[in-house]
Amino acid sequence: MTVYVDDMRAQFGRMIMCHMLADTDEELHAMADRIGVARRWHQAPPKHDSHYDIALSKRATAVAHGAVPITYRQAAAMNFRRRVTGQLGDPADAEAWLRERVRARAGDESPGRE
């Protein structure tokens, strides 16, 4: 089980935010508790993929507590994979997995294919 923090940099007031996600909600909430992020900031299905938006200072603390840094693109691909398979999977192959999924779907939906 792993917690991940991406490199997104979105402004929210005076803060710069990124995403924190995990293989399980239990692990995600445990990390939020460890780094001092209130549960009310949890964003959950069905409106969102399960994650927290956290300030960069909290990102550094999460990494110090074992969170794995990933890119924003990896986080997006991993969240998509979780919607399809139920698992985030490995960030190392997340973008390739998504490209292959898109390529396969495009081939399935091409005119004249059965």
C-alpha atoms as a PDB file:
ATOM      1  CA  MET A   1       0.000   0.000   0.000  1.00  0.00           C
ATOM      2  CA  THR A   2       1.305   3.418  -0.955  1.00  0.00           C
ATOM      3  CA  VAL A   3       0.448   7.096  -0.667  1.00  0.00           C
ATOM      4  CA  TYR A   4       1.328   9.339  -3.608  1.00  0.00           C
ATOM      5  CA  VAL A   5       1.697  13.121  -3.970  1.00  0.00           C
ATOM      6  CA  ASP A   6       1.754  14.728  -7.399  1.00  0.00           C
ATOM      7  CA  ASP A   7       3.562  17.806  -8.675  1.00  0.00           C
ATOM      8  CA  MET A   8       0.482  19.827  -9.621  1.00  0.00           C
ATOM      9  CA  ARG A   9       0.763  23.484  -8.625  1.00  0.00           C
ATOM     10  CA  ALA A  10      -2.705  25.027  -8.440  1.00  0.00           C
ATOM     11  CA  GLN A  11      -3.240  28.287  -6.643  1.00  0.00           C
ATOM     12  CA  PHE A  12      -5.872  28.341  -3.893  1.00  0.00           C
ATOM     13  CA  GLY A  13      -5.859  31.733  -2.225  1.00  0.00           C
ATOM     14  CA  ARG A  14      -2.274  32.280  -1.124  1.00  0.00           C
ATOM     15  CA  MET A  15      -1.490  28.557  -1.113  1.00  0.00           C
ATOM     16  CA  ILE A  16      -0.125  26.373  -3.870  1.00  0.00           C
ATOM     17  CA  MET A  17      -1.833  22.979  -3.897  1.00  0.00           C
ATOM     18  CA  CYS A  18      -1.164  19.477  -5.167  1.00  0.00           C
ATOM     19  CA  HIS A  19      -2.964  16.116  -4.902  1.00  0.00           C
ATOM     20  CA  MET A  20      -2.461  13.302  -2.402  1.00  0.00           C
ATOM     21  CA  LEU A  21      -3.906   9.898  -3.292  1.00  0.00           C
ATOM     22  CA  ALA A  22      -3.414   6.360  -2.055  1.00  0.00           C
ATOM     23  CA  ASP A  23      -4.109   2.724  -2.826  1.00  0.00           C
ATOM     24  CA  THR A  24      -6.780   2.679  -0.089  1.00  0.00           C
ATOM     25  CA  ASP A  25      -8.855   5.319   1.664  1.00  0.00           C
ATOM     26  CA  GLU A  26      -7.642   3.975   5.008  1.00  0.00           C
ATOM     27  CA  GLU A  27      -4.044   4.674   4.056  1.00  0.00           C
ATOM     28  CA  LEU A  28      -4.979   8.046   2.565  1.00  0.00           C
ATOM     29  CA  HIS A  29      -6.745   9.134   5.763  1.00  0.00           C
ATOM     30  CA  ALA A  30      -3.910   7.811   7.933  1.00  0.00           C
ATOM     31  CA  MET A  31      -1.418   9.979   6.027  1.00  0.00           C
ATOM     32  CA  ALA A  32      -3.759  12.981   6.223  1.00  0.00           C
ATOM     33  CA  ASP A  33      -3.912  12.490   9.994  1.00  0.00           C
ATOM     34  CA  ARG A  34      -0.098  12.168  10.204  1.00  0.00           C
ATOM     35  CA  ILE A  35       0.539  15.392   8.305  1.00  0.00           C
ATOM     36  CA  GLY A  36      -2.261  17.401   9.893  1.00  0.00           C
ATOM     37  CA  VAL A  37      -4.819  17.599   7.090  1.00  0.00           C
ATOM     38  CA  ALA A  38      -8.433  17.620   8.291  1.00  0.00           C
ATOM     39  CA  ARG A  39     -10.778  14.901   7.004  1.00  0.00           C
ATOM     40  CA  ARG A  40     -13.242  17.541   5.836  1.00  0.00           C
ATOM     41  CA  TRP A  41     -10.836  18.216   2.933  1.00  0.00           C
ATOM     42  CA  HIS A  42     -11.203  14.666   1.601  1.00  0.00           C
ATOM     43  CA  GLN A  43     -12.712  14.635  -1.878  1.00  0.00           C
ATOM     44  CA  ALA A  44     -14.549  11.411  -2.593  1.00  0.00           C
ATOM     45  CA  PRO A  45     -16.694   9.583  -5.130  1.00  0.00           C
ATOM     46  CA  PRO A  46     -19.049   9.963  -6.787  1.00  0.00           C
ATOM     47  CA  LYS A  47     -18.133  13.610  -7.365  1.00  0.00           C
ATOM     48  CA  HIS A  48     -14.329  13.124  -7.303  1.00  0.00           C
ATOM     49  CA  ASP A  49     -11.740  10.373  -7.312  1.00  0.00           C
ATOM     50  CA  SER A  50     -10.670   9.800  -3.704  1.00  0.00           C
ATOM     51  CA  HIS A  51      -7.921  12.298  -2.837  1.00  0.00           C
ATOM     52  CA  TYR A  52      -6.934  15.348  -0.832  1.00  0.00           C
ATOM     53  CA  ASP A  53      -5.769  18.669  -2.234  1.00  0.00           C
ATOM     54  CA  ILE A  54      -2.844  19.602   0.011  1.00  0.00           C
ATOM     55  CA  ALA A  55      -0.517  22.597   0.280  1.00  0.00           C
ATOM     56  CA  LEU A  56       3.078  22.164  -0.907  1.00  0.00           C
ATOM     57  CA  SER A  57       4.278  22.397   2.708  1.00  0.00           C
ATOM     58  CA  LYS A  58       2.096  19.370   3.532  1.00  0.00           C
ATOM     59  CA  ARG A  59       3.433  17.631   0.421  1.00  0.00           C
ATOM     60  CA  ALA A  60       6.963  17.913   1.787  1.00  0.00           C
ATOM     61  CA  THR A  61       5.781  16.526   5.125  1.00  0.00           C
ATOM     62  CA  ALA A  62       3.981  13.654   3.386  1.00  0.00           C
ATOM     63  CA  VAL A  63       7.148  12.767   1.444  1.00  0.00           C
ATOM     64  CA  ALA A  64       9.108  12.857   4.707  1.00  0.00           C
ATOM     65  CA  HIS A  65       6.543  10.360   6.068  1.00  0.00           C
ATOM     66  CA  GLY A  66       6.959   7.995   3.105  1.00  0.00           C
ATOM     67  CA  ALA A  67       4.658   9.316   0.370  1.00  0.00           C
ATOM     68  CA  VAL A  68       5.935   8.721  -3.152  1.00  0.00           C
ATOM     69  CA  PRO A  69       6.320  11.779  -5.425  1.00  0.00           C
ATOM     70  CA  ILE A  70       4.672  11.358  -8.840  1.00  0.00           C
ATOM     71  CA  THR A  71       3.800  13.642 -11.731  1.00  0.00           C
ATOM     72  CA  TYR A  72       0.394  15.176 -12.312  1.00  0.00           C
ATOM     73  CA  ARG A  73       0.101  13.101 -15.495  1.00  0.00           C
ATOM     74  CA  GLN A  74       0.864   9.910 -13.595  1.00  0.00           C
ATOM     75  CA  ALA A  75      -1.772  10.809 -10.993  1.00  0.00           C
ATOM     76  CA  ALA A  76      -4.384  11.400 -13.706  1.00  0.00           C
ATOM     77  CA  ALA A  77      -3.564   8.113 -15.454  1.00  0.00           C
ATOM     78  CA  MET A  78      -3.568   6.227 -12.146  1.00  0.00           C
ATOM     79  CA  ASN A  79      -6.960   7.646 -11.192  1.00  0.00           C
ATOM     80  CA  PHE A  80      -8.355   6.641 -14.583  1.00  0.00           C
ATOM     81  CA  ARG A  81      -6.935   3.132 -14.153  1.00  0.00           C
ATOM     82  CA  ARG A  82      -8.574   2.905 -10.711  1.00  0.00           C
ATOM     83  CA  ARG A  83     -11.945   3.802 -12.294  1.00  0.00           C
ATOM     84  CA  VAL A  84     -11.480   0.960 -14.804  1.00  0.00           C
ATOM     85  CA  THR A  85      -9.733  -1.738 -12.744  1.00  0.00           C
ATOM     86  CA  GLY A  86     -10.293  -0.749  -9.109  1.00  0.00           C
ATOM     87  CA  GLN A  87      -6.531  -0.296  -8.556  1.00  0.00           C
ATOM     88  CA  LEU A  88      -4.191   2.685  -8.980  1.00  0.00           C
ATOM     89  CA  GLY A  89      -1.386   0.430 -10.147  1.00  0.00           C
ATOM     90  CA  ASP A  90       2.273   1.332 -10.580  1.00  0.00           C
ATOM     91  CA  PRO A  91       3.024   4.980 -11.410  1.00  0.00           C
ATOM     92  CA  ALA A  92       5.950   3.858 -13.587  1.00  0.00           C
ATOM     93  CA  ASP A  93       3.615   2.407 -16.230  1.00  0.00           C
ATOM     94  CA  ALA A  94       0.481   4.495 -15.642  1.00  0.00           C
ATOM     95  CA  GLU A  95       0.846   6.767 -18.658  1.00  0.00           C
ATOM     96  CA  ALA A  96       1.707   3.860 -20.963  1.00  0.00           C
ATOM     97  CA  TRP A  97      -1.315   1.946 -19.628  1.00  0.00           C
ATOM     98  CA  LEU A  98      -3.566   4.926 -20.391  1.00  0.00           C
ATOM     99  CA  ARG A  99      -2.133   5.396 -23.902  1.00  0.00           C
ATOM    100  CA  GLU A 100      -2.708   1.713 -24.665  1.00  0.00           C
ATOM    101  CA  ARG A 101      -6.245   1.889 -23.284  1.00  0.00           C
ATOM    102  CA  VAL A 102      -7.043   4.916 -25.467  1.00  0.00           C
ATOM    103  CA  ARG A 103      -5.437   3.271 -28.512  1.00  0.00           C
ATOM    104  CA  ALA A 104      -7.407   0.043 -27.972  1.00  0.00           C
ATOM    105  CA  ARG A 105     -10.693   1.920 -27.547  1.00  0.00           C
ATOM    106  CA  ALA A 106     -10.029   3.983 -30.680  1.00  0.00           C
ATOM    107  CA  GLY A 107      -9.451   0.759 -32.607  1.00  0.00           C
ATOM    108  CA  ASP A 108     -12.658  -0.788 -31.239  1.00  0.00           C
ATOM    109  CA  GLU A 109     -14.706   2.225 -32.275  1.00  0.00           C
ATOM    110  CA  SER A 110     -13.290   2.694 -35.773  1.00  0.00           C
ATOM    111  CA  PRO A 111     -15.913   2.607 -38.562  1.00  0.00           C
ATOM    112  CA  GLY A 112     -16.106  -0.737 -40.284  1.00  0.00           C
ATOM    113  CA  ARG A 113     -14.557  -2.711 -37.418  1.00  0.00           C
ATOM    114  CA  GLU A 114     -16.495  -5.537 -35.828  1.00  0.00           C
END
